[in-house]
Amino acid sequence: MIDGVKVPDKLWGFTPFTYPFNWSGNPAATAPAGFSVDGLPIGLQIVGRWGDEETVIAASKAFEDARPWADKFPIEFK
């Protein structure tokens, strides 16, 4: 329930870590953060205070600058 409104169960499994920020209006970004031991991609989600897009973008840029990823692919997609 959100504000007394029942949310359909199927929505919870669709995007379990991103939907709260779509609903709340908080700025959020996801940056590639590497791969698991099984070769699956891992992402870092950066969430800011409401209305603070500038900090989210700056943090995302800093993370991507520190960990370049453009030439990294999961093994299956090389």
PDB file of N, CA and C in Angstrom:
ATOM      1  N   MET A   1       0.839  -1.177   0.000  1.00  0.00           N
ATOM      2  CA  MET A   1       0.000   0.000   0.000  1.00  0.00           C
ATOM      3  C   MET A   1       0.886   1.244   0.000  1.00  0.00           C
ATOM      4  N   ILE A   2       0.493   2.186  -0.790  1.00  0.00           N
ATOM      5  CA  ILE A   2       1.164   3.483  -0.810  1.00  0.00           C
ATOM      6  C   ILE A   2       0.074   4.534  -0.683  1.00  0.00           C
ATOM      7  N   ASP A   3       0.141   5.306   0.386  1.00  0.00           N
ATOM      8  CA  ASP A   3      -0.895   6.309   0.661  1.00  0.00           C
ATOM      9  C   ASP A   3      -2.293   5.702   0.608  1.00  0.00           C
ATOM     10  N   GLY A   4      -2.433   4.503   1.147  1.00  0.00           N
ATOM     11  CA  GLY A   4      -3.725   3.852   1.208  1.00  0.00           C
ATOM     12  C   GLY A   4      -4.189   3.185  -0.069  1.00  0.00           C
ATOM     13  N   VAL A   5      -3.365   3.215  -1.104  1.00  0.00           N
ATOM     14  CA  VAL A   5      -3.733   2.605  -2.382  1.00  0.00           C
ATOM     15  C   VAL A   5      -2.973   1.299  -2.543  1.00  0.00           C
ATOM     16  N   LYS A   6      -3.704   0.203  -2.806  1.00  0.00           N
ATOM     17  CA  LYS A   6      -3.047  -1.089  -3.009  1.00  0.00           C
ATOM     18  C   LYS A   6      -2.299  -1.080  -4.335  1.00  0.00           C
ATOM     19  N   VAL A   7      -1.042  -1.471  -4.276  1.00  0.00           N
ATOM     20  CA  VAL A   7      -0.207  -1.542  -5.472  1.00  0.00           C
ATOM     21  C   VAL A   7      -0.239  -2.980  -5.976  1.00  0.00           C
ATOM     22  N   PRO A   8      -0.510  -3.185  -7.274  1.00  0.00           N
ATOM     23  CA  PRO A   8      -0.546  -4.560  -7.797  1.00  0.00           C
ATOM     24  C   PRO A   8       0.771  -5.290  -7.540  1.00  0.00           C
ATOM     25  N   ASP A   9       0.685  -6.549  -7.126  1.00  0.00           N
ATOM     26  CA  ASP A   9       1.871  -7.339  -6.800  1.00  0.00           C
ATOM     27  C   ASP A   9       2.850  -7.443  -7.960  1.00  0.00           C
ATOM     28  N   LYS A  10       2.353  -7.496  -9.191  1.00  0.00           N
ATOM     29  CA  LYS A  10       3.256  -7.670 -10.324  1.00  0.00           C
ATOM     30  C   LYS A  10       4.228  -6.503 -10.473  1.00  0.00           C
ATOM     31  N   LEU A  11       3.881  -5.333  -9.973  1.00  0.00           N
ATOM     32  CA  LEU A  11       4.786  -4.188 -10.075  1.00  0.00           C
ATOM     33  C   LEU A  11       6.011  -4.341  -9.179  1.00  0.00           C
ATOM     34  N   TRP A  12       5.868  -5.026  -8.065  1.00  0.00           N
ATOM     35  CA  TRP A  12       6.982  -5.148  -7.127  1.00  0.00           C
ATOM     36  C   TRP A  12       8.136  -5.932  -7.722  1.00  0.00           C
ATOM     37  N   GLY A  13       7.876  -6.925  -8.539  1.00  0.00           N
ATOM     38  CA  GLY A  13       8.941  -7.727  -9.122  1.00  0.00           C
ATOM     39  C   GLY A  13       9.550  -7.116 -10.368  1.00  0.00           C
ATOM     40  N   PHE A  14       8.892  -6.128 -10.935  1.00  0.00           N
ATOM     41  CA  PHE A  14       9.350  -5.561 -12.204  1.00  0.00           C
ATOM     42  C   PHE A  14      10.634  -4.752 -12.043  1.00  0.00           C
ATOM     43  N   THR A  15      10.659  -3.837 -11.128  1.00  0.00           N
ATOM     44  CA  THR A  15      11.854  -3.018 -10.891  1.00  0.00           C
ATOM     45  C   THR A  15      11.975  -2.743  -9.393  1.00  0.00           C
ATOM     46  N   PRO A  16      12.381  -3.725  -8.630  1.00  0.00           N
ATOM     47  CA  PRO A  16      12.315  -3.604  -7.175  1.00  0.00           C
ATOM     48  C   PRO A  16      13.187  -2.519  -6.560  1.00  0.00           C
ATOM     49  N   PHE A  17      14.205  -2.068  -7.251  1.00  0.00           N
ATOM     50  CA  PHE A  17      15.084  -1.090  -6.632  1.00  0.00           C
ATOM     51  C   PHE A  17      14.950   0.303  -7.227  1.00  0.00           C
ATOM     52  N   THR A  18      14.203   0.452  -8.308  1.00  0.00           N
ATOM     53  CA  THR A  18      14.114   1.763  -8.949  1.00  0.00           C
ATOM     54  C   THR A  18      12.773   2.447  -8.771  1.00  0.00           C
ATOM     55  N   TYR A  19      11.694   1.705  -8.654  1.00  0.00           N
ATOM     56  CA  TYR A  19      10.383   2.335  -8.630  1.00  0.00           C
ATOM     57  C   TYR A  19      10.171   3.311  -7.476  1.00  0.00           C
ATOM     58  N   PRO A  20      10.759   3.117  -6.292  1.00  0.00           N
ATOM     59  CA  PRO A  20      10.492   4.104  -5.238  1.00  0.00           C
ATOM     60  C   PRO A  20      10.910   5.519  -5.644  1.00  0.00           C
ATOM     61  N   PHE A  21      11.967   5.616  -6.431  1.00  0.00           N
ATOM     62  CA  PHE A  21      12.463   6.935  -6.803  1.00  0.00           C
ATOM     63  C   PHE A  21      11.674   7.515  -7.965  1.00  0.00           C
ATOM     64  N   ASN A  22      11.108   6.662  -8.805  1.00  0.00           N
ATOM     65  CA  ASN A  22      10.192   7.155  -9.831  1.00  0.00           C
ATOM     66  C   ASN A  22       8.942   7.737  -9.180  1.00  0.00           C
ATOM     67  N   TRP A  23       8.469   7.085  -8.132  1.00  0.00           N
ATOM     68  CA  TRP A  23       7.259   7.556  -7.461  1.00  0.00           C
ATOM     69  C   TRP A  23       7.525   8.771  -6.584  1.00  0.00           C
ATOM     70  N   SER A  24       8.677   8.788  -5.915  1.00  0.00           N
ATOM     71  CA  SER A  24       8.959   9.884  -4.982  1.00  0.00           C
ATOM     72  C   SER A  24       9.465  11.135  -5.683  1.00  0.00           C
ATOM     73  N   GLY A  25       9.985  10.975  -6.896  1.00  0.00           N
ATOM     74  CA  GLY A  25      10.534  12.118  -7.609  1.00  0.00           C
ATOM     75  C   GLY A  25      11.981  12.413  -7.266  1.00  0.00           C
ATOM     76  N   ASN A  26      12.615  11.550  -6.470  1.00  0.00           N
ATOM     77  CA  ASN A  26      14.034  11.739  -6.172  1.00  0.00           C
ATOM     78  C   ASN A  26      14.858  11.483  -7.423  1.00  0.00           C
ATOM     79  N   PRO A  27      15.882  12.305  -7.650  1.00  0.00           N
ATOM     80  CA  PRO A  27      16.750  12.033  -8.795  1.00  0.00           C
ATOM     81  C   PRO A  27      17.572  10.779  -8.536  1.00  0.00           C
ATOM     82  N   ALA A  28      17.746   9.970  -9.562  1.00  0.00           N
ATOM     83  CA  ALA A  28      18.511   8.737  -9.424  1.00  0.00           C
ATOM     84  C   ALA A  28      19.197   8.426 -10.744  1.00  0.00           C
ATOM     85  N   ALA A  29      20.335   7.767 -10.644  1.00  0.00           N
ATOM     86  CA  ALA A  29      21.077   7.332 -11.828  1.00  0.00           C
ATOM     87  C   ALA A  29      21.702   5.983 -11.515  1.00  0.00           C
ATOM     88  N   THR A  30      21.970   5.229 -12.555  1.00  0.00           N
ATOM     89  CA  THR A  30      22.646   3.950 -12.402  1.00  0.00           C
ATOM     90  C   THR A  30      23.908   3.972 -13.238  1.00  0.00           C
ATOM     91  N   ALA A  31      25.007   3.521 -12.640  1.00  0.00           N
ATOM     92  CA  ALA A  31      26.290   3.470 -13.346  1.00  0.00           C
ATOM     93  C   ALA A  31      26.805   2.037 -13.319  1.00  0.00           C
ATOM     94  N   PRO A  32      27.406   1.578 -14.400  1.00  0.00           N
ATOM     95  CA  PRO A  32      28.004   0.245 -14.411  1.00  0.00           C
ATOM     96  C   PRO A  32      29.094   0.154 -13.339  1.00  0.00           C
ATOM     97  N   ALA A  33      29.090  -0.944 -12.584  1.00  0.00           N
ATOM     98  CA  ALA A  33      30.037  -1.079 -11.479  1.00  0.00           C
ATOM     99  C   ALA A  33      30.873  -2.347 -11.565  1.00  0.00           C
ATOM    100  N   GLY A  34      30.835  -3.035 -12.676  1.00  0.00           N
ATOM    101  CA  GLY A  34      31.643  -4.242 -12.817  1.00  0.00           C
ATOM    102  C   GLY A  34      30.787  -5.458 -13.078  1.00  0.00           C
ATOM    103  N   PHE A  35      31.364  -6.615 -12.753  1.00  0.00           N
ATOM    104  CA  PHE A  35      30.697  -7.884 -13.028  1.00  0.00           C
ATOM    105  C   PHE A  35      30.819  -8.812 -11.829  1.00  0.00           C
ATOM    106  N   SER A  36      29.817  -9.668 -11.658  1.00  0.00           N
ATOM    107  CA  SER A  36      29.862 -10.676 -10.600  1.00  0.00           C
ATOM    108  C   SER A  36      30.851 -11.766 -10.989  1.00  0.00           C
ATOM    109  N   VAL A  37      31.105 -12.689 -10.071  1.00  0.00           N
ATOM    110  CA  VAL A  37      32.005 -13.800 -10.380  1.00  0.00           C
ATOM    111  C   VAL A  37      31.439 -14.673 -11.501  1.00  0.00           C
ATOM    112  N   ASP A  38      30.127 -14.594 -11.725  1.00  0.00           N
ATOM    113  CA  ASP A  38      29.489 -15.347 -12.810  1.00  0.00           C
ATOM    114  C   ASP A  38      29.439 -14.558 -14.116  1.00  0.00           C
ATOM    115  N   GLY A  39      30.007 -13.353 -14.120  1.00  0.00           N
ATOM    116  CA  GLY A  39      30.031 -12.548 -15.330  1.00  0.00           C
ATOM    117  C   GLY A  39      28.798 -11.692 -15.565  1.00  0.00           C
ATOM    118  N   LEU A  40      27.911 -11.620 -14.572  1.00  0.00           N
ATOM    119  CA  LEU A  40      26.713 -10.794 -14.717  1.00  0.00           C
ATOM    120  C   LEU A  40      27.035  -9.338 -14.383  1.00  0.00           C
ATOM    121  N   PRO A  41      26.445  -8.394 -15.110  1.00  0.00           N
ATOM    122  CA  PRO A  41      26.730  -6.988 -14.832  1.00  0.00           C
ATOM    123  C   PRO A  41      26.149  -6.546 -13.495  1.00  0.00           C
ATOM    124  N   ILE A  42      26.881  -5.677 -12.824  1.00  0.00           N
ATOM    125  CA  ILE A  42      26.465  -5.103 -11.548  1.00  0.00           C
ATOM    126  C   ILE A  42      26.402  -3.595 -11.739  1.00  0.00           C
ATOM    127  N   GLY A  43      25.366  -2.972 -11.199  1.00  0.00           N
ATOM    128  CA  GLY A  43      25.231  -1.525 -11.305  1.00  0.00           C
ATOM    129  C   GLY A  43      25.216  -0.867  -9.941  1.00  0.00           C
ATOM    130  N   LEU A  44      25.635   0.378  -9.921  1.00  0.00           N
ATOM    131  CA  LEU A  44      25.581   1.200  -8.717  1.00  0.00           C
ATOM    132  C   LEU A  44      24.451   2.193  -8.906  1.00  0.00           C
ATOM    133  N   GLN A  45      23.506   2.213  -7.980  1.00  0.00           N
ATOM    134  CA  GLN A  45      22.416   3.175  -8.066  1.00  0.00           C
ATOM    135  C   GLN A  45      22.740   4.342  -7.147  1.00  0.00           C
ATOM    136  N   ILE A  46      22.707   5.536  -7.706  1.00  0.00           N
ATOM    137  CA  ILE A  46      22.999   6.759  -6.960  1.00  0.00           C
ATOM    138  C   ILE A  46      21.693   7.533  -6.856  1.00  0.00           C
ATOM    139  N   VAL A  47      21.280   7.842  -5.626  1.00  0.00           N
ATOM    140  CA  VAL A  47      20.013   8.532  -5.386  1.00  0.00           C
ATOM    141  C   VAL A  47      20.291   9.796  -4.596  1.00  0.00           C
ATOM    142  N   GLY A  48      19.656  10.878  -5.002  1.00  0.00           N
ATOM    143  CA  GLY A  48      19.866  12.151  -4.318  1.00  0.00           C
ATOM    144  C   GLY A  48      18.622  12.642  -3.610  1.00  0.00           C
ATOM    145  N   ARG A  49      18.810  13.733  -2.907  1.00  0.00           N
ATOM    146  CA  ARG A  49      17.677  14.389  -2.264  1.00  0.00           C
ATOM    147  C   ARG A  49      16.768  14.963  -3.340  1.00  0.00           C
ATOM    148  N   TRP A  50      15.513  15.115  -3.020  1.00  0.00           N
ATOM    149  CA  TRP A  50      14.539  15.636  -3.954  1.00  0.00           C
ATOM    150  C   TRP A  50      15.017  16.987  -4.481  1.00  0.00           C
ATOM    151  N   GLY A  51      15.080  17.110  -5.797  1.00  0.00           N
ATOM    152  CA  GLY A  51      15.481  18.356  -6.430  1.00  0.00           C
ATOM    153  C   GLY A  51      16.980  18.552  -6.576  1.00  0.00           C
ATOM    154  N   ASP A  52      17.782  17.574  -6.156  1.00  0.00           N
ATOM    155  CA  ASP A  52      19.244  17.734  -6.201  1.00  0.00           C
ATOM    156  C   ASP A  52      19.858  16.891  -7.321  1.00  0.00           C
ATOM    157  N   GLU A  53      19.377  17.108  -8.533  1.00  0.00           N
ATOM    158  CA  GLU A  53      19.897  16.388  -9.690  1.00  0.00           C
ATOM    159  C   GLU A  53      21.381  16.656  -9.904  1.00  0.00           C
ATOM    160  N   GLU A  54      21.812  17.870  -9.594  1.00  0.00           N
ATOM    161  CA  GLU A  54      23.213  18.243  -9.820  1.00  0.00           C
ATOM    162  C   GLU A  54      24.176  17.317  -9.078  1.00  0.00           C
ATOM    163  N   THR A  55      23.873  17.000  -7.830  1.00  0.00           N
ATOM    164  CA  THR A  55      24.745  16.118  -7.053  1.00  0.00           C
ATOM    165  C   THR A  55      24.739  14.703  -7.618  1.00  0.00           C
ATOM    166  N   VAL A  56      23.580  14.216  -8.044  1.00  0.00           N
ATOM    167  CA  VAL A  56      23.494  12.864  -8.614  1.00  0.00           C
ATOM    168  C   VAL A  56      24.325  12.780  -9.891  1.00  0.00           C
ATOM    169  N   ILE A  57      24.215  13.789 -10.740  1.00  0.00           N
ATOM    170  CA  ILE A  57      24.988  13.788 -11.987  1.00  0.00           C
ATOM    171  C   ILE A  57      26.478  13.886 -11.697  1.00  0.00           C
ATOM    172  N   ALA A  58      26.867  14.740 -10.750  1.00  0.00           N
ATOM    173  CA  ALA A  58      28.286  14.878 -10.398  1.00  0.00           C
ATOM    174  C   ALA A  58      28.836  13.583  -9.809  1.00  0.00           C
ATOM    175  N   ALA A  59      28.072  12.935  -8.939  1.00  0.00           N
ATOM    176  CA  ALA A  59      28.522  11.672  -8.342  1.00  0.00           C
ATOM    177  C   ALA A  59      28.625  10.581  -9.405  1.00  0.00           C
ATOM    178  N   SER A  60      27.670  10.547 -10.325  1.00  0.00           N
ATOM    179  CA  SER A  60      27.710   9.559 -11.408  1.00  0.00           C
ATOM    180  C   SER A  60      28.935   9.762 -12.285  1.00  0.00           C
ATOM    181  N   LYS A  61      29.221  11.007 -12.623  1.00  0.00           N
ATOM    182  CA  LYS A  61      30.387  11.304 -13.450  1.00  0.00           C
ATOM    183  C   LYS A  61      31.671  10.921 -12.727  1.00  0.00           C
ATOM    184  N   ALA A  62      31.771  11.262 -11.449  1.00  0.00           N
ATOM    185  CA  ALA A  62      32.974  10.933 -10.677  1.00  0.00           C
ATOM    186  C   ALA A  62      33.184   9.421 -10.622  1.00  0.00           C
ATOM    187  N   PHE A  63      32.107   8.667 -10.403  1.00  0.00           N
ATOM    188  CA  PHE A  63      32.227   7.211 -10.347  1.00  0.00           C
ATOM    189  C   PHE A  63      32.660   6.650 -11.698  1.00  0.00           C
ATOM    190  N   GLU A  64      32.035   7.115 -12.772  1.00  0.00           N
ATOM    191  CA  GLU A  64      32.393   6.605 -14.098  1.00  0.00           C
ATOM    192  C   GLU A  64      33.802   7.033 -14.507  1.00  0.00           C
ATOM    193  N   ASP A  65      34.233   8.231 -14.110  1.00  0.00           N
ATOM    194  CA  ASP A  65      35.606   8.660 -14.393  1.00  0.00           C
ATOM    195  C   ASP A  65      36.617   7.781 -13.660  1.00  0.00           C
ATOM    196  N   ALA A  66      36.272   7.373 -12.432  1.00  0.00           N
ATOM    197  CA  ALA A  66      37.175   6.540 -11.630  1.00  0.00           C
ATOM    198  C   ALA A  66      37.174   5.087 -12.092  1.00  0.00           C
ATOM    199  N   ARG A  67      36.080   4.657 -12.720  1.00  0.00           N
ATOM    200  CA  ARG A  67      35.947   3.264 -13.164  1.00  0.00           C
ATOM    201  C   ARG A  67      35.432   3.219 -14.594  1.00  0.00           C
ATOM    202  N   PRO A  68      36.297   3.517 -15.558  1.00  0.00           N
ATOM    203  CA  PRO A  68      35.848   3.497 -16.962  1.00  0.00           C
ATOM    204  C   PRO A  68      35.246   2.138 -17.325  1.00  0.00           C
ATOM    205  N   TRP A  69      34.191   2.158 -18.118  1.00  0.00           N
ATOM    206  CA  TRP A  69      33.478   0.919 -18.424  1.00  0.00           C
ATOM    207  C   TRP A  69      33.128   0.751 -19.896  1.00  0.00           C
ATOM    208  N   ALA A  70      33.303   1.764 -20.722  1.00  0.00           N
ATOM    209  CA  ALA A  70      32.797   1.718 -22.097  1.00  0.00           C
ATOM    210  C   ALA A  70      33.324   0.529 -22.904  1.00  0.00           C
ATOM    211  N   ASP A  71      34.492   0.017 -22.558  1.00  0.00           N
ATOM    212  CA  ASP A  71      35.052  -1.121 -23.305  1.00  0.00           C
ATOM    213  C   ASP A  71      34.865  -2.451 -22.589  1.00  0.00           C
ATOM    214  N   LYS A  72      34.048  -2.484 -21.545  1.00  0.00           N
ATOM    215  CA  LYS A  72      33.811  -3.705 -20.765  1.00  0.00           C
ATOM    216  C   LYS A  72      32.446  -4.288 -21.137  1.00  0.00           C
ATOM    217  N   PHE A  73      32.423  -5.581 -21.417  1.00  0.00           N
ATOM    218  CA  PHE A  73      31.189  -6.255 -21.806  1.00  0.00           C
ATOM    219  C   PHE A  73      31.086  -7.586 -21.067  1.00  0.00           C
ATOM    220  N   PRO A  74      29.847  -8.039 -20.794  1.00  0.00           N
ATOM    221  CA  PRO A  74      29.693  -9.394 -20.275  1.00  0.00           C
ATOM    222  C   PRO A  74      30.291 -10.376 -21.281  1.00  0.00           C
ATOM    223  N   ILE A  75      30.813 -11.471 -20.801  1.00  0.00           N
ATOM    224  CA  ILE A  75      31.495 -12.450 -21.645  1.00  0.00           C
ATOM    225  C   ILE A  75      30.639 -12.858 -22.843  1.00  0.00           C
ATOM    226  N   GLU A  76      29.345 -13.067 -22.658  1.00  0.00           N
ATOM    227  CA  GLU A  76      28.471 -13.540 -23.727  1.00  0.00           C
ATOM    228  C   GLU A  76      28.326 -12.536 -24.862  1.00  0.00           C
ATOM    229  N   PHE A  77      28.625 -11.264 -24.628  1.00  0.00           N
ATOM    230  CA  PHE A  77      28.359 -10.227 -25.624  1.00  0.00           C
ATOM    231  C   PHE A  77      29.603  -9.675 -26.291  1.00  0.00           C
ATOM    232  N   LYS A  78      30.754 -10.294 -26.088  1.00  0.00           N
ATOM    233  CA  LYS A  78      31.983  -9.800 -26.716  1.00  0.00           C
ATOM    234  C   LYS A  78      31.960 -10.035 -28.194  1.00  0.00           C
TER     235      LYS A  78
END
